[in-house]
């Protein structure tokens, strides 16, 4: 039975998705240009499947990019609700922010990292 892998977009996957959408291309458009299935392109974008190194130049060509651009971090786009949450968090006094970090377990992680 295959093991389910969590979705963790790679920089290249996020970049592919960003430029594909920016150019108004569908998964099928990119897949047809590359001779793969739309599901394969989707798995690359979502980090569910590694992008074969030899395919990177073809992908870049299909998107009109320099191949090196696929290795750059893609832009981070936060939904409006997430932006509001972050703004509210950063507007809190430091003690309140520390309490929230402790509540969600971030304080423990930062202490563990500091001791390495």
C-alpha atoms as a PDB file:
ATOM      1  CA  UNK A   1       0.000   0.000   0.000  1.00  0.00           C
ATOM      2  CA  UNK A   2       1.494   3.392  -0.972  1.00  0.00           C
ATOM      3  CA  UNK A   3       2.314   5.754   1.842  1.00  0.00           C
ATOM      4  CA  UNK A   4       0.573   9.113   1.632  1.00  0.00           C
ATOM      5  CA  UNK A   5       3.026  11.991   1.561  1.00  0.00           C
ATOM      6  CA  UNK A   6       1.973  15.392   2.889  1.00  0.00           C
ATOM      7  CA  UNK A   7       1.858  18.201   0.377  1.00  0.00           C
ATOM      8  CA  UNK A   8       4.998  20.270   0.680  1.00  0.00           C
ATOM      9  CA  UNK A   9       5.430  22.488  -2.354  1.00  0.00           C
ATOM     10  CA  UNK A  10       9.035  22.826  -3.407  1.00  0.00           C
ATOM     11  CA  UNK A  11      10.410  26.141  -4.549  1.00  0.00           C
ATOM     12  CA  UNK A  12      10.326  24.825  -8.106  1.00  0.00           C
ATOM     13  CA  UNK A  13       6.760  23.541  -7.703  1.00  0.00           C
ATOM     14  CA  UNK A  14       5.528  26.854  -6.310  1.00  0.00           C
ATOM     15  CA  UNK A  15       7.329  28.689  -9.106  1.00  0.00           C
ATOM     16  CA  UNK A  16       5.769  26.460 -11.751  1.00  0.00           C
ATOM     17  CA  UNK A  17       2.280  27.039 -10.349  1.00  0.00           C
ATOM     18  CA  UNK A  18       2.824  30.800 -10.018  1.00  0.00           C
ATOM     19  CA  UNK A  19       4.073  31.276 -13.600  1.00  0.00           C
ATOM     20  CA  UNK A  20       1.536  28.841 -15.062  1.00  0.00           C
ATOM     21  CA  UNK A  21      -1.343  30.765 -13.505  1.00  0.00           C
ATOM     22  CA  UNK A  22       0.228  34.133 -14.315  1.00  0.00           C
ATOM     23  CA  UNK A  23       0.334  33.145 -17.999  1.00  0.00           C
ATOM     24  CA  UNK A  24      -3.240  31.844 -17.859  1.00  0.00           C
ATOM     25  CA  UNK A  25      -2.191  28.259 -18.567  1.00  0.00           C
ATOM     26  CA  UNK A  26      -4.012  25.218 -17.242  1.00  0.00           C
ATOM     27  CA  UNK A  27      -2.373  22.092 -15.887  1.00  0.00           C
ATOM     28  CA  UNK A  28      -3.393  20.422 -19.145  1.00  0.00           C
ATOM     29  CA  UNK A  29      -1.705  23.131 -21.243  1.00  0.00           C
ATOM     30  CA  UNK A  30       1.604  22.607 -19.460  1.00  0.00           C
ATOM     31  CA  UNK A  31       1.200  18.830 -19.438  1.00  0.00           C
ATOM     32  CA  UNK A  32       0.579  18.745 -23.199  1.00  0.00           C
ATOM     33  CA  UNK A  33       3.663  20.888 -23.829  1.00  0.00           C
ATOM     34  CA  UNK A  34       5.755  18.457 -21.790  1.00  0.00           C
ATOM     35  CA  UNK A  35       4.171  15.192 -22.913  1.00  0.00           C
ATOM     36  CA  UNK A  36       3.065  14.217 -19.385  1.00  0.00           C
ATOM     37  CA  UNK A  37      -0.311  14.037 -17.662  1.00  0.00           C
ATOM     38  CA  UNK A  38      -1.959  16.989 -15.944  1.00  0.00           C
ATOM     39  CA  UNK A  39      -1.879  14.906 -12.753  1.00  0.00           C
ATOM     40  CA  UNK A  40       1.910  14.708 -13.001  1.00  0.00           C
ATOM     41  CA  UNK A  41       2.242  18.488 -13.316  1.00  0.00           C
ATOM     42  CA  UNK A  42      -0.129  18.882 -10.368  1.00  0.00           C
ATOM     43  CA  UNK A  43       1.981  16.507  -8.250  1.00  0.00           C
ATOM     44  CA  UNK A  44       5.121  18.490  -9.149  1.00  0.00           C
ATOM     45  CA  UNK A  45       3.456  21.766  -8.181  1.00  0.00           C
ATOM     46  CA  UNK A  46       2.212  20.368  -4.860  1.00  0.00           C
ATOM     47  CA  UNK A  47       5.475  18.646  -3.959  1.00  0.00           C
ATOM     48  CA  UNK A  48       3.918  15.192  -4.079  1.00  0.00           C
ATOM     49  CA  UNK A  49       6.420  14.061  -6.702  1.00  0.00           C
ATOM     50  CA  UNK A  50       9.973  15.187  -7.331  1.00  0.00           C
ATOM     51  CA  UNK A  51      10.577  17.016 -10.577  1.00  0.00           C
ATOM     52  CA  UNK A  52      13.095  15.068 -12.656  1.00  0.00           C
ATOM     53  CA  UNK A  53      16.168  17.239 -13.114  1.00  0.00           C
ATOM     54  CA  UNK A  54      16.257  16.585 -16.854  1.00  0.00           C
ATOM     55  CA  UNK A  55      12.673  17.958 -17.141  1.00  0.00           C
ATOM     56  CA  UNK A  56      13.474  21.348 -15.596  1.00  0.00           C
ATOM     57  CA  UNK A  57      14.692  22.887 -18.843  1.00  0.00           C
ATOM     58  CA  UNK A  58      11.581  21.659 -20.696  1.00  0.00           C
ATOM     59  CA  UNK A  59       9.338  23.051 -17.958  1.00  0.00           C
ATOM     60  CA  UNK A  60      11.128  26.399 -18.036  1.00  0.00           C
ATOM     61  CA  UNK A  61      10.754  26.531 -21.835  1.00  0.00           C
ATOM     62  CA  UNK A  62       7.038  25.731 -21.589  1.00  0.00           C
ATOM     63  CA  UNK A  63       6.612  28.609 -19.138  1.00  0.00           C
ATOM     64  CA  UNK A  64       8.927  31.020 -20.959  1.00  0.00           C
ATOM     65  CA  UNK A  65      11.436  31.134 -18.102  1.00  0.00           C
ATOM     66  CA  UNK A  66      15.159  30.730 -17.665  1.00  0.00           C
ATOM     67  CA  UNK A  67      15.759  27.261 -16.115  1.00  0.00           C
ATOM     68  CA  UNK A  68      17.549  28.842 -13.132  1.00  0.00           C
ATOM     69  CA  UNK A  69      14.289  30.625 -12.208  1.00  0.00           C
ATOM     70  CA  UNK A  70      12.798  27.267 -11.185  1.00  0.00           C
ATOM     71  CA  UNK A  71      15.314  27.102  -8.347  1.00  0.00           C
ATOM     72  CA  UNK A  72      14.357  30.523  -6.968  1.00  0.00           C
ATOM     73  CA  UNK A  73      11.772  30.709  -4.199  1.00  0.00           C
ATOM     74  CA  UNK A  74       8.333  31.475  -5.535  1.00  0.00           C
ATOM     75  CA  UNK A  75       6.337  34.418  -4.260  1.00  0.00           C
ATOM     76  CA  UNK A  76       4.391  33.819  -1.082  1.00  0.00           C
ATOM     77  CA  UNK A  77       0.752  34.785  -1.388  1.00  0.00           C
ATOM     78  CA  UNK A  78      -1.205  34.769   1.844  1.00  0.00           C
ATOM     79  CA  UNK A  79      -4.984  34.747   1.925  1.00  0.00           C
ATOM     80  CA  UNK A  80      -6.505  37.946   3.353  1.00  0.00           C
ATOM     81  CA  UNK A  81      -7.557  36.175   6.567  1.00  0.00           C
ATOM     82  CA  UNK A  82      -4.005  34.930   7.186  1.00  0.00           C
ATOM     83  CA  UNK A  83      -2.613  38.440   6.597  1.00  0.00           C
ATOM     84  CA  UNK A  84      -5.102  39.866   9.113  1.00  0.00           C
ATOM     85  CA  UNK A  85      -4.104  37.231  11.676  1.00  0.00           C
ATOM     86  CA  UNK A  86      -0.415  38.019  11.244  1.00  0.00           C
ATOM     87  CA  UNK A  87      -1.020  41.753  11.477  1.00  0.00           C
ATOM     88  CA  UNK A  88      -3.077  41.262  14.640  1.00  0.00           C
ATOM     89  CA  UNK A  89      -0.371  39.037  16.138  1.00  0.00           C
ATOM     90  CA  UNK A  90       2.378  41.563  15.403  1.00  0.00           C
ATOM     91  CA  UNK A  91       0.319  44.399  16.888  1.00  0.00           C
ATOM     92  CA  UNK A  92       0.183  42.621  20.277  1.00  0.00           C
ATOM     93  CA  UNK A  93       2.555  43.472  23.123  1.00  0.00           C
ATOM     94  CA  UNK A  94       5.615  41.164  23.306  1.00  0.00           C
ATOM     95  CA  UNK A  95       4.277  39.339  26.380  1.00  0.00           C
ATOM     96  CA  UNK A  96       1.043  38.443  24.603  1.00  0.00           C
ATOM     97  CA  UNK A  97       2.948  37.238  21.533  1.00  0.00           C
ATOM     98  CA  UNK A  98       5.135  35.065  23.794  1.00  0.00           C
ATOM     99  CA  UNK A  99       2.005  33.586  25.402  1.00  0.00           C
ATOM    100  CA  UNK A 100       0.588  32.707  21.974  1.00  0.00           C
ATOM    101  CA  UNK A 101       3.875  31.121  20.865  1.00  0.00           C
ATOM    102  CA  UNK A 102       3.906  29.049  24.046  1.00  0.00           C
ATOM    103  CA  UNK A 103       0.255  28.096  23.562  1.00  0.00           C
ATOM    104  CA  UNK A 104       0.918  26.732  20.070  1.00  0.00           C
ATOM    105  CA  UNK A 105       4.215  25.117  21.049  1.00  0.00           C
ATOM    106  CA  UNK A 106       6.615  27.459  19.256  1.00  0.00           C
ATOM    107  CA  UNK A 107       8.511  28.458  22.375  1.00  0.00           C
ATOM    108  CA  UNK A 108       9.522  24.862  23.025  1.00  0.00           C
ATOM    109  CA  UNK A 109      10.811  24.449  19.454  1.00  0.00           C
ATOM    110  CA  UNK A 110      12.879  27.633  19.620  1.00  0.00           C
ATOM    111  CA  UNK A 111      14.427  26.572  22.949  1.00  0.00           C
ATOM    112  CA  UNK A 112      15.321  23.150  21.487  1.00  0.00           C
ATOM    113  CA  UNK A 113      16.924  24.753  18.437  1.00  0.00           C
ATOM    114  CA  UNK A 114      18.907  27.167  20.583  1.00  0.00           C
ATOM    115  CA  UNK A 115      20.471  24.297  22.521  1.00  0.00           C
ATOM    116  CA  UNK A 116      21.832  22.531  19.405  1.00  0.00           C
END
